Every structure is written in C-alpha cells, then in structure tokens.
Amino acid sequence: MVTVYRALDDETRRVILDELAASDGQTLFEICSLLAVRHGLGLTRQAISQHLGVLESAGLVVTERRGRSKFHYFNSEPLAEIASRWPVRERDDR
C-alpha cells in the first residue's frame, strides 16, 4: 500500500490517472499529447514514461502490448483496497 500512496503523492501522476480514468487504453504518445494540450504540462516523453512506471509498479496502471504499441489502462483495485480498509460509518450528529 505504501507504493500506492507514494504514486499518488505526485500531481502529475494524479493527472495521468485522471486522463486514463476518462479514456482508458492510451499510448504514451496520446498521454503526452493530452497532458500538453489539456493541462499545459511540457514534460518530456521520458519523464511521463517514468511517471507511468511508478504508477504501474504501484498497480494503478496496467499495460498491454499490441505490436509496437503499448496501451495503458487505469486499475482502480488498489484504491478500492484502501477505501475498504476504513469503512465509512454513518454519524449520529445530535
């Protein structure tokens, strides 16, 4: 779980996850383009690739190779594990 928290600690990685949650199955080129156009982030492909590596090692991103392309998918299971650890109880605000 520590790797999930560390992965989520970076704003760029959270933006990448937001983009993958909105539209799964993107290539590195597509992610780079979205970050530049929608968010004004001028990061290199190598920097974004490193961010994706951190997200993948935390289990938040899974990849699939098809030919020469590598597609990235958002995996919400690690977040669900965190949420299930602290269930929300209804409060009695009297």
PDB file of N, CA and C in Angstrom:
ATOM      1  N   MET A   1       0.808  -1.188   0.000  1.00  0.00           N
ATOM      2  CA  MET A   1       0.000   0.000   0.000  1.00  0.00           C
ATOM      3  C   MET A   1       0.858   1.261   0.000  1.00  0.00           C
ATOM      4  N   VAL A   2       2.052   1.159   0.516  1.00  0.00           N
ATOM      5  CA  VAL A   2       2.938   2.317   0.565  1.00  0.00           C
ATOM      6  C   VAL A   2       3.245   2.822  -0.840  1.00  0.00           C
ATOM      7  N   THR A   3       3.443   1.894  -1.789  1.00  0.00           N
ATOM      8  CA  THR A   3       3.750   2.321  -3.156  1.00  0.00           C
ATOM      9  C   THR A   3       2.577   3.062  -3.787  1.00  0.00           C
ATOM     10  N   VAL A   4       1.356   2.706  -3.413  1.00  0.00           N
ATOM     11  CA  VAL A   4       0.172   3.405  -3.934  1.00  0.00           C
ATOM     12  C   VAL A   4       0.158   4.835  -3.419  1.00  0.00           C
ATOM     13  N   TYR A   5       0.395   5.007  -2.115  1.00  0.00           N
ATOM     14  CA  TYR A   5       0.418   6.356  -1.543  1.00  0.00           C
ATOM     15  C   TYR A   5       1.535   7.197  -2.158  1.00  0.00           C
ATOM     16  N   ARG A   6       2.687   6.618  -2.349  1.00  0.00           N
ATOM     17  CA  ARG A   6       3.806   7.361  -2.956  1.00  0.00           C
ATOM     18  C   ARG A   6       3.496   7.735  -4.401  1.00  0.00           C
ATOM     19  N   ALA A   7       2.842   6.831  -5.115  1.00  0.00           N
ATOM     20  CA  ALA A   7       2.485   7.119  -6.505  1.00  0.00           C
ATOM     21  C   ALA A   7       1.482   8.264  -6.578  1.00  0.00           C
ATOM     22  N   LEU A   8       0.542   8.294  -5.640  1.00  0.00           N
ATOM     23  CA  LEU A   8      -0.491   9.330  -5.639  1.00  0.00           C
ATOM     24  C   LEU A   8       0.003  10.658  -5.077  1.00  0.00           C
ATOM     25  N   ASP A   9       1.188  10.674  -4.518  1.00  0.00           N
ATOM     26  CA  ASP A   9       1.745  11.874  -3.908  1.00  0.00           C
ATOM     27  C   ASP A   9       2.144  12.934  -4.939  1.00  0.00           C
ATOM     28  N   ASP A  10       2.227  12.562  -6.194  1.00  0.00           N
ATOM     29  CA  ASP A  10       2.681  13.480  -7.244  1.00  0.00           C
ATOM     30  C   ASP A  10       1.493  13.966  -8.083  1.00  0.00           C
ATOM     31  N   GLU A  11       1.400  15.283  -8.263  1.00  0.00           N
ATOM     32  CA  GLU A  11       0.287  15.874  -9.011  1.00  0.00           C
ATOM     33  C   GLU A  11       0.240  15.377 -10.460  1.00  0.00           C
ATOM     34  N   THR A  12       1.387  15.251 -11.101  1.00  0.00           N
ATOM     35  CA  THR A  12       1.421  14.793 -12.494  1.00  0.00           C
ATOM     36  C   THR A  12       0.858  13.383 -12.610  1.00  0.00           C
ATOM     37  N   ARG A  13       1.213  12.513 -11.680  1.00  0.00           N
ATOM     38  CA  ARG A  13       0.698  11.144 -11.731  1.00  0.00           C
ATOM     39  C   ARG A  13      -0.805  11.116 -11.503  1.00  0.00           C
ATOM     40  N   ARG A  14      -1.303  11.999 -10.640  1.00  0.00           N
ATOM     41  CA  ARG A  14      -2.759  12.061 -10.436  1.00  0.00           C
ATOM     42  C   ARG A  14      -3.457  12.542 -11.710  1.00  0.00           C
ATOM     43  N   VAL A  15      -2.860  13.474 -12.422  1.00  0.00           N
ATOM     44  CA  VAL A  15      -3.437  13.945 -13.687  1.00  0.00           C
ATOM     45  C   VAL A  15      -3.431  12.814 -14.718  1.00  0.00           C
ATOM     46  N   ILE A  16      -2.349  12.061 -14.772  1.00  0.00           N
ATOM     47  CA  ILE A  16      -2.280  10.924 -15.695  1.00  0.00           C
ATOM     48  C   ILE A  16      -3.397   9.930 -15.379  1.00  0.00           C
ATOM     49  N   LEU A  17      -3.597   9.632 -14.097  1.00  0.00           N
ATOM     50  CA  LEU A  17      -4.674   8.709 -13.716  1.00  0.00           C
ATOM     51  C   LEU A  17      -6.039   9.277 -14.083  1.00  0.00           C
ATOM     52  N   ASP A  18      -6.229  10.581 -13.906  1.00  0.00           N
ATOM     53  CA  ASP A  18      -7.494  11.215 -14.301  1.00  0.00           C
ATOM     54  C   ASP A  18      -7.753  11.012 -15.790  1.00  0.00           C
ATOM     55  N   GLU A  19      -6.723  11.201 -16.597  1.00  0.00           N
ATOM     56  CA  GLU A  19      -6.876  11.049 -18.047  1.00  0.00           C
ATOM     57  C   GLU A  19      -7.153   9.594 -18.424  1.00  0.00           C
ATOM     58  N   LEU A  20      -6.486   8.661 -17.761  1.00  0.00           N
ATOM     59  CA  LEU A  20      -6.734   7.249 -18.061  1.00  0.00           C
ATOM     60  C   LEU A  20      -8.116   6.816 -17.575  1.00  0.00           C
ATOM     61  N   ALA A  21      -8.561   7.365 -16.459  1.00  0.00           N
ATOM     62  CA  ALA A  21      -9.903   7.041 -15.964  1.00  0.00           C
ATOM     63  C   ALA A  21     -10.963   7.558 -16.928  1.00  0.00           C
ATOM     64  N   ALA A  22     -10.699   8.690 -17.560  1.00  0.00           N
ATOM     65  CA  ALA A  22     -11.654   9.271 -18.516  1.00  0.00           C
ATOM     66  C   ALA A  22     -11.647   8.522 -19.837  1.00  0.00           C
ATOM     67  N   SER A  23     -10.473   8.046 -20.249  1.00  0.00           N
ATOM     68  CA  SER A  23     -10.353   7.359 -21.530  1.00  0.00           C
ATOM     69  C   SER A  23      -9.229   6.328 -21.430  1.00  0.00           C
ATOM     70  N   ASP A  24      -9.597   5.099 -21.144  1.00  0.00           N
ATOM     71  CA  ASP A  24      -8.636   4.020 -20.943  1.00  0.00           C
ATOM     72  C   ASP A  24      -7.986   3.572 -22.250  1.00  0.00           C
ATOM     73  N   GLY A  25      -6.849   2.910 -22.129  1.00  0.00           N
ATOM     74  CA  GLY A  25      -6.198   2.298 -23.277  1.00  0.00           C
ATOM     75  C   GLY A  25      -5.451   3.272 -24.157  1.00  0.00           C
ATOM     76  N   GLN A  26      -4.679   4.164 -23.545  1.00  0.00           N
ATOM     77  CA  GLN A  26      -3.948   5.169 -24.312  1.00  0.00           C
ATOM     78  C   GLN A  26      -2.477   4.799 -24.433  1.00  0.00           C
ATOM     79  N   THR A  27      -1.895   5.237 -25.518  1.00  0.00           N
ATOM     80  CA  THR A  27      -0.461   5.046 -25.727  1.00  0.00           C
ATOM     81  C   THR A  27       0.290   6.188 -25.059  1.00  0.00           C
ATOM     82  N   LEU A  28       1.600   6.045 -24.953  1.00  0.00           N
ATOM     83  CA  LEU A  28       2.433   7.101 -24.383  1.00  0.00           C
ATOM     84  C   LEU A  28       2.267   8.391 -25.178  1.00  0.00           C
ATOM     85  N   PHE A  29       2.233   8.296 -26.488  1.00  0.00           N
ATOM     86  CA  PHE A  29       2.062   9.486 -27.337  1.00  0.00           C
ATOM     87  C   PHE A  29       0.752  10.196 -27.018  1.00  0.00           C
ATOM     88  N   GLU A  30      -0.327   9.433 -26.877  1.00  0.00           N
ATOM     89  CA  GLU A  30      -1.629  10.036 -26.572  1.00  0.00           C
ATOM     90  C   GLU A  30      -1.629  10.706 -25.201  1.00  0.00           C
ATOM     91  N   ILE A  31      -1.015  10.057 -24.227  1.00  0.00           N
ATOM     92  CA  ILE A  31      -0.949  10.633 -22.883  1.00  0.00           C
ATOM     93  C   ILE A  31      -0.132  11.924 -22.904  1.00  0.00           C
ATOM     94  N   CYS A  32       1.001  11.907 -23.580  1.00  0.00           N
ATOM     95  CA  CYS A  32       1.832  13.110 -23.683  1.00  0.00           C
ATOM     96  C   CYS A  32       1.054  14.255 -24.322  1.00  0.00           C
ATOM     97  N   SER A  33       0.322  13.957 -25.375  1.00  0.00           N
ATOM     98  CA  SER A  33      -0.457  14.979 -26.072  1.00  0.00           C
ATOM     99  C   SER A  33      -1.531  15.566 -25.167  1.00  0.00           C
ATOM    100  N   LEU A  34      -2.259  14.720 -24.450  1.00  0.00           N
ATOM    101  CA  LEU A  34      -3.310  15.193 -23.552  1.00  0.00           C
ATOM    102  C   LEU A  34      -2.748  16.058 -22.428  1.00  0.00           C
ATOM    103  N   LEU A  35      -1.623  15.657 -21.872  1.00  0.00           N
ATOM    104  CA  LEU A  35      -1.031  16.427 -20.790  1.00  0.00           C
ATOM    105  C   LEU A  35      -0.577  17.796 -21.277  1.00  0.00           C
ATOM    106  N   ALA A  36      -0.076  17.858 -22.499  1.00  0.00           N
ATOM    107  CA  ALA A  36       0.372  19.141 -23.044  1.00  0.00           C
ATOM    108  C   ALA A  36      -0.805  20.035 -23.408  1.00  0.00           C
ATOM    109  N   VAL A  37      -1.804  19.485 -24.074  1.00  0.00           N
ATOM    110  CA  VAL A  37      -2.918  20.290 -24.567  1.00  0.00           C
ATOM    111  C   VAL A  37      -3.894  20.663 -23.457  1.00  0.00           C
ATOM    112  N   ARG A  38      -4.340  19.693 -22.692  1.00  0.00           N
ATOM    113  CA  ARG A  38      -5.373  19.951 -21.673  1.00  0.00           C
ATOM    114  C   ARG A  38      -4.839  20.555 -20.388  1.00  0.00           C
ATOM    115  N   HIS A  39      -3.588  20.212 -20.042  1.00  0.00           N
ATOM    116  CA  HIS A  39      -3.076  20.610 -18.736  1.00  0.00           C
ATOM    117  C   HIS A  39      -1.857  21.523 -18.811  1.00  0.00           C
ATOM    118  N   GLY A  40      -1.380  21.795 -20.008  1.00  0.00           N
ATOM    119  CA  GLY A  40      -0.240  22.688 -20.179  1.00  0.00           C
ATOM    120  C   GLY A  40       1.058  22.165 -19.587  1.00  0.00           C
ATOM    121  N   LEU A  41       1.168  20.849 -19.453  1.00  0.00           N
ATOM    122  CA  LEU A  41       2.388  20.260 -18.909  1.00  0.00           C
ATOM    123  C   LEU A  41       3.369  19.983 -20.040  1.00  0.00           C
ATOM    124  N   GLY A  42       4.528  20.590 -19.979  1.00  0.00           N
ATOM    125  CA  GLY A  42       5.534  20.429 -21.015  1.00  0.00           C
ATOM    126  C   GLY A  42       6.602  19.425 -20.620  1.00  0.00           C
ATOM    127  N   LEU A  43       6.180  18.252 -20.215  1.00  0.00           N
ATOM    128  CA  LEU A  43       7.131  17.224 -19.802  1.00  0.00           C
ATOM    129  C   LEU A  43       7.617  16.431 -21.012  1.00  0.00           C
ATOM    130  N   THR A  44       8.810  15.881 -20.891  1.00  0.00           N
ATOM    131  CA  THR A  44       9.340  15.038 -21.961  1.00  0.00           C
ATOM    132  C   THR A  44       8.651  13.680 -21.935  1.00  0.00           C
ATOM    133  N   ARG A  45       8.736  12.979 -23.047  1.00  0.00           N
ATOM    134  CA  ARG A  45       8.180  11.623 -23.106  1.00  0.00           C
ATOM    135  C   ARG A  45       8.837  10.728 -22.067  1.00  0.00           C
ATOM    136  N   GLN A  46      10.142  10.922 -21.864  1.00  0.00           N
ATOM    137  CA  GLN A  46      10.864  10.118 -20.892  1.00  0.00           C
ATOM    138  C   GLN A  46      10.337  10.374 -19.477  1.00  0.00           C
ATOM    139  N   ALA A  47      10.061  11.622 -19.131  1.00  0.00           N
ATOM    140  CA  ALA A  47       9.538  11.949 -17.802  1.00  0.00           C
ATOM    141  C   ALA A  47       8.163  11.320 -17.591  1.00  0.00           C
ATOM    142  N   ILE A  48       7.307  11.405 -18.599  1.00  0.00           N
ATOM    143  CA  ILE A  48       5.970  10.816 -18.497  1.00  0.00           C
ATOM    144  C   ILE A  48       6.072   9.297 -18.426  1.00  0.00           C
ATOM    145  N   SER A  49       6.986   8.734 -19.174  1.00  0.00           N
ATOM    146  CA  SER A  49       7.214   7.289 -19.131  1.00  0.00           C
ATOM    147  C   SER A  49       7.648   6.855 -17.733  1.00  0.00           C
ATOM    148  N   GLN A  50       8.484   7.649 -17.087  1.00  0.00           N
ATOM    149  CA  GLN A  50       8.915   7.336 -15.724  1.00  0.00           C
ATOM    150  C   GLN A  50       7.738   7.419 -14.746  1.00  0.00           C
ATOM    151  N   HIS A  51       6.881   8.419 -14.911  1.00  0.00           N
ATOM    152  CA  HIS A  51       5.685   8.533 -14.079  1.00  0.00           C
ATOM    153  C   HIS A  51       4.788   7.303 -14.281  1.00  0.00           C
ATOM    154  N   LEU A  52       4.627   6.882 -15.520  1.00  0.00           N
ATOM    155  CA  LEU A  52       3.821   5.697 -15.803  1.00  0.00           C
ATOM    156  C   LEU A  52       4.430   4.451 -15.163  1.00  0.00           C
ATOM    157  N   GLY A  53       5.746   4.382 -15.137  1.00  0.00           N
ATOM    158  CA  GLY A  53       6.428   3.260 -14.494  1.00  0.00           C
ATOM    159  C   GLY A  53       6.138   3.201 -13.002  1.00  0.00           C
ATOM    160  N   VAL A  54       6.121   4.360 -12.356  1.00  0.00           N
ATOM    161  CA  VAL A  54       5.798   4.414 -10.923  1.00  0.00           C
ATOM    162  C   VAL A  54       4.360   3.957 -10.706  1.00  0.00           C
ATOM    163  N   LEU A  55       3.445   4.444 -11.550  1.00  0.00           N
ATOM    164  CA  LEU A  55       2.035   4.062 -11.434  1.00  0.00           C
ATOM    165  C   LEU A  55       1.843   2.573 -11.691  1.00  0.00           C
ATOM    166  N   GLU A  56       2.591   2.050 -12.640  1.00  0.00           N
ATOM    167  CA  GLU A  56       2.496   0.619 -12.956  1.00  0.00           C
ATOM    168  C   GLU A  56       3.037  -0.234 -11.809  1.00  0.00           C
ATOM    169  N   SER A  57       4.150   0.178 -11.214  1.00  0.00           N
ATOM    170  CA  SER A  57       4.710  -0.603 -10.108  1.00  0.00           C
ATOM    171  C   SER A  57       3.810  -0.557  -8.871  1.00  0.00           C
ATOM    172  N   ALA A  58       2.980   0.497  -8.763  1.00  0.00           N
ATOM    173  CA  ALA A  58       2.018   0.589  -7.657  1.00  0.00           C
ATOM    174  C   ALA A  58       0.735  -0.166  -7.967  1.00  0.00           C
ATOM    175  N   GLY A  59       0.609  -0.674  -9.190  1.00  0.00           N
ATOM    176  CA  GLY A  59      -0.578  -1.424  -9.582  1.00  0.00           C
ATOM    177  C   GLY A  59      -1.733  -0.552 -10.036  1.00  0.00           C
ATOM    178  N   LEU A  60      -1.508   0.759 -10.141  1.00  0.00           N
ATOM    179  CA  LEU A  60      -2.571   1.677 -10.553  1.00  0.00           C
ATOM    180  C   LEU A  60      -2.736   1.745 -12.070  1.00  0.00           C
ATOM    181  N   VAL A  61      -1.720   1.300 -12.787  1.00  0.00           N
ATOM    182  CA  VAL A  61      -1.770   1.249 -14.249  1.00  0.00           C
ATOM    183  C   VAL A  61      -1.311  -0.133 -14.683  1.00  0.00           C
ATOM    184  N   VAL A  62      -2.040  -0.716 -15.605  1.00  0.00           N
ATOM    185  CA  VAL A  62      -1.619  -1.971 -16.229  1.00  0.00           C
ATOM    186  C   VAL A  62      -1.429  -1.695 -17.714  1.00  0.00           C
ATOM    187  N   THR A  63      -0.538  -2.444 -18.316  1.00  0.00           N
ATOM    188  CA  THR A  63      -0.230  -2.214 -19.721  1.00  0.00           C
ATOM    189  C   THR A  63      -0.472  -3.465 -20.543  1.00  0.00           C
ATOM    190  N   GLU A  64      -0.649  -3.216 -21.823  1.00  0.00           N
ATOM    191  CA  GLU A  64      -0.838  -4.311 -22.781  1.00  0.00           C
ATOM    192  C   GLU A  64      -0.102  -3.935 -24.060  1.00  0.00           C
ATOM    193  N   ARG A  65       0.740  -4.837 -24.526  1.00  0.00           N
ATOM    194  CA  ARG A  65       1.459  -4.603 -25.786  1.00  0.00           C
ATOM    195  C   ARG A  65       0.677  -5.212 -26.935  1.00  0.00           C
ATOM    196  N   ARG A  66       0.513  -4.407 -27.968  1.00  0.00           N
ATOM    197  CA  ARG A  66      -0.078  -4.883 -29.224  1.00  0.00           C
ATOM    198  C   ARG A  66       0.822  -4.410 -30.345  1.00  0.00           C
ATOM    199  N   GLY A  67       1.571  -5.352 -30.891  1.00  0.00           N
ATOM    200  CA  GLY A  67       2.536  -4.980 -31.919  1.00  0.00           C
ATOM    201  C   GLY A  67       3.600  -4.090 -31.314  1.00  0.00           C
ATOM    202  N   ARG A  68       3.804  -2.933 -31.925  1.00  0.00           N
ATOM    203  CA  ARG A  68       4.810  -1.992 -31.436  1.00  0.00           C
ATOM    204  C   ARG A  68       4.233  -1.000 -30.432  1.00  0.00           C
ATOM    205  N   SER A  69       2.945  -1.073 -30.199  1.00  0.00           N
ATOM    206  CA  SER A  69       2.294  -0.112 -29.307  1.00  0.00           C
ATOM    207  C   SER A  69       2.070  -0.712 -27.920  1.00  0.00           C
ATOM    208  N   LYS A  70       2.158   0.155 -26.918  1.00  0.00           N
ATOM    209  CA  LYS A  70       1.914  -0.234 -25.535  1.00  0.00           C
ATOM    210  C   LYS A  70       0.751   0.622 -25.029  1.00  0.00           C
ATOM    211  N   PHE A  71      -0.306  -0.035 -24.595  1.00  0.00           N
ATOM    212  CA  PHE A  71      -1.508   0.656 -24.146  1.00  0.00           C
ATOM    213  C   PHE A  71      -1.583   0.630 -22.623  1.00  0.00           C
ATOM    214  N   HIS A  72      -1.988   1.751 -22.049  1.00  0.00           N
ATOM    215  CA  HIS A  72      -2.033   1.923 -20.598  1.00  0.00           C
ATOM    216  C   HIS A  72      -3.481   1.984 -20.132  1.00  0.00           C
ATOM    217  N   TYR A  73      -3.770   1.265 -19.051  1.00  0.00           N
ATOM    218  CA  TYR A  73      -5.124   1.190 -18.511  1.00  0.00           C
ATOM    219  C   TYR A  73      -5.108   1.501 -17.018  1.00  0.00           C
ATOM    220  N   PHE A  74      -6.115   2.237 -16.578  1.00  0.00           N
ATOM    221  CA  PHE A  74      -6.279   2.562 -15.160  1.00  0.00           C
ATOM    222  C   PHE A  74      -6.813   1.341 -14.419  1.00  0.00           C
ATOM    223  N   ASN A  75      -6.200   1.017 -13.284  1.00  0.00           N
ATOM    224  CA  ASN A  75      -6.641  -0.093 -12.443  1.00  0.00           C
ATOM    225  C   ASN A  75      -7.030   0.480 -11.083  1.00  0.00           C
ATOM    226  N   SER A  76      -8.310   0.440 -10.764  1.00  0.00           N
ATOM    227  CA  SER A  76      -8.797   1.044  -9.520  1.00  0.00           C
ATOM    228  C   SER A  76      -8.734   0.106  -8.318  1.00  0.00           C
ATOM    229  N   GLU A  77      -8.330  -1.136  -8.507  1.00  0.00           N
ATOM    230  CA  GLU A  77      -8.317  -2.106  -7.411  1.00  0.00           C
ATOM    231  C   GLU A  77      -7.472  -1.662  -6.207  1.00  0.00           C
ATOM    232  N   PRO A  78      -6.262  -1.122  -6.399  1.00  0.00           N
ATOM    233  CA  PRO A  78      -5.504  -0.669  -5.221  1.00  0.00           C
ATOM    234  C   PRO A  78      -6.226   0.434  -4.437  1.00  0.00           C
ATOM    235  N   LEU A  79      -6.954   1.290  -5.123  1.00  0.00           N
ATOM    236  CA  LEU A  79      -7.708   2.345  -4.436  1.00  0.00           C
ATOM    237  C   LEU A  79      -8.885   1.759  -3.681  1.00  0.00           C
ATOM    238  N   ALA A  80      -9.507   0.738  -4.247  1.00  0.00           N
ATOM    239  CA  ALA A  80     -10.626   0.072  -3.568  1.00  0.00           C
ATOM    240  C   ALA A  80     -10.141  -0.612  -2.293  1.00  0.00           C
ATOM    241  N   GLU A  81      -8.932  -1.171  -2.319  1.00  0.00           N
ATOM    242  CA  GLU A  81      -8.372  -1.798  -1.122  1.00  0.00           C
ATOM    243  C   GLU A  81      -8.171  -0.767  -0.014  1.00  0.00           C
ATOM    244  N   ILE A  82      -7.710   0.415  -0.388  1.00  0.00           N
ATOM    245  CA  ILE A  82      -7.523   1.485   0.593  1.00  0.00           C
ATOM    246  C   ILE A  82      -8.870   1.898   1.168  1.00  0.00           C
ATOM    247  N   ALA A  83      -9.854   2.083   0.309  1.00  0.00           N
ATOM    248  CA  ALA A  83     -11.186   2.509   0.758  1.00  0.00           C
ATOM    249  C   ALA A  83     -11.829   1.461   1.658  1.00  0.00           C
ATOM    250  N   SER A  84     -11.605   0.194   1.368  1.00  0.00           N
ATOM    251  CA  SER A  84     -12.223  -0.854   2.190  1.00  0.00           C
ATOM    252  C   SER A  84     -11.555  -0.982   3.556  1.00  0.00           C
ATOM    253  N   ARG A  85     -10.365  -0.453   3.668  1.00  0.00           N
ATOM    254  CA  ARG A  85      -9.648  -0.534   4.941  1.00  0.00           C
ATOM    255  C   ARG A  85     -10.310   0.329   6.008  1.00  0.00           C
ATOM    256  N   TRP A  86     -10.856   1.465   5.600  1.00  0.00           N
ATOM    257  CA  TRP A  86     -11.517   2.370   6.536  1.00  0.00           C
ATOM    258  C   TRP A  86     -12.953   2.596   6.084  1.00  0.00           C
ATOM    259  N   PRO A  87     -13.846   1.687   6.442  1.00  0.00           N
ATOM    260  CA  PRO A  87     -15.234   1.845   6.012  1.00  0.00           C
ATOM    261  C   PRO A  87     -15.859   3.106   6.632  1.00  0.00           C
ATOM    262  N   VAL A  88     -16.692   3.737   5.872  1.00  0.00           N
ATOM    263  CA  VAL A  88     -17.382   4.941   6.338  1.00  0.00           C
ATOM    264  C   VAL A  88     -18.613   4.519   7.111  1.00  0.00           C
ATOM    265  N   ARG A  89     -18.706   5.026   8.320  1.00  0.00           N
ATOM    266  CA  ARG A  89     -19.871   4.749   9.144  1.00  0.00           C
ATOM    267  C   ARG A  89     -20.735   6.002   9.215  1.00  0.00           C
ATOM    268  N   GLU A  90     -22.026   5.778   9.272  1.00  0.00           N
ATOM    269  CA  GLU A  90     -22.920   6.930   9.398  1.00  0.00           C
ATOM    270  C   GLU A  90     -22.737   7.542  10.769  1.00  0.00           C
ATOM    271  N   ARG A  91     -22.748   8.865  10.800  1.00  0.00           N
ATOM    272  CA  ARG A  91     -22.555   9.583  12.049  1.00  0.00           C
ATOM    273  C   ARG A  91     -23.897   9.989  12.630  1.00  0.00           C
ATOM    274  N   ASP A  92     -23.931  10.006  13.911  1.00  0.00           N
ATOM    275  CA  ASP A  92     -25.125  10.462  14.612  1.00  0.00           C
ATOM    276  C   ASP A  92     -24.813  11.846  15.173  1.00  0.00           C
ATOM    277  N   ASP A  93     -25.079  12.875  14.347  1.00  0.00           N
ATOM    278  CA  ASP A  93     -24.770  14.258  14.738  1.00  0.00           C
ATOM    279  C   ASP A  93     -25.939  14.867  15.488  1.00  0.00           C
ATOM    280  N   ARG A  94     -25.975  14.628  16.766  1.00  0.00           N
ATOM    281  CA  ARG A  94     -27.069  15.181  17.597  1.00  0.00           C
ATOM    282  C   ARG A  94     -26.624  16.394  18.345  1.00  0.00           C
TER     283      ARG A  94
END
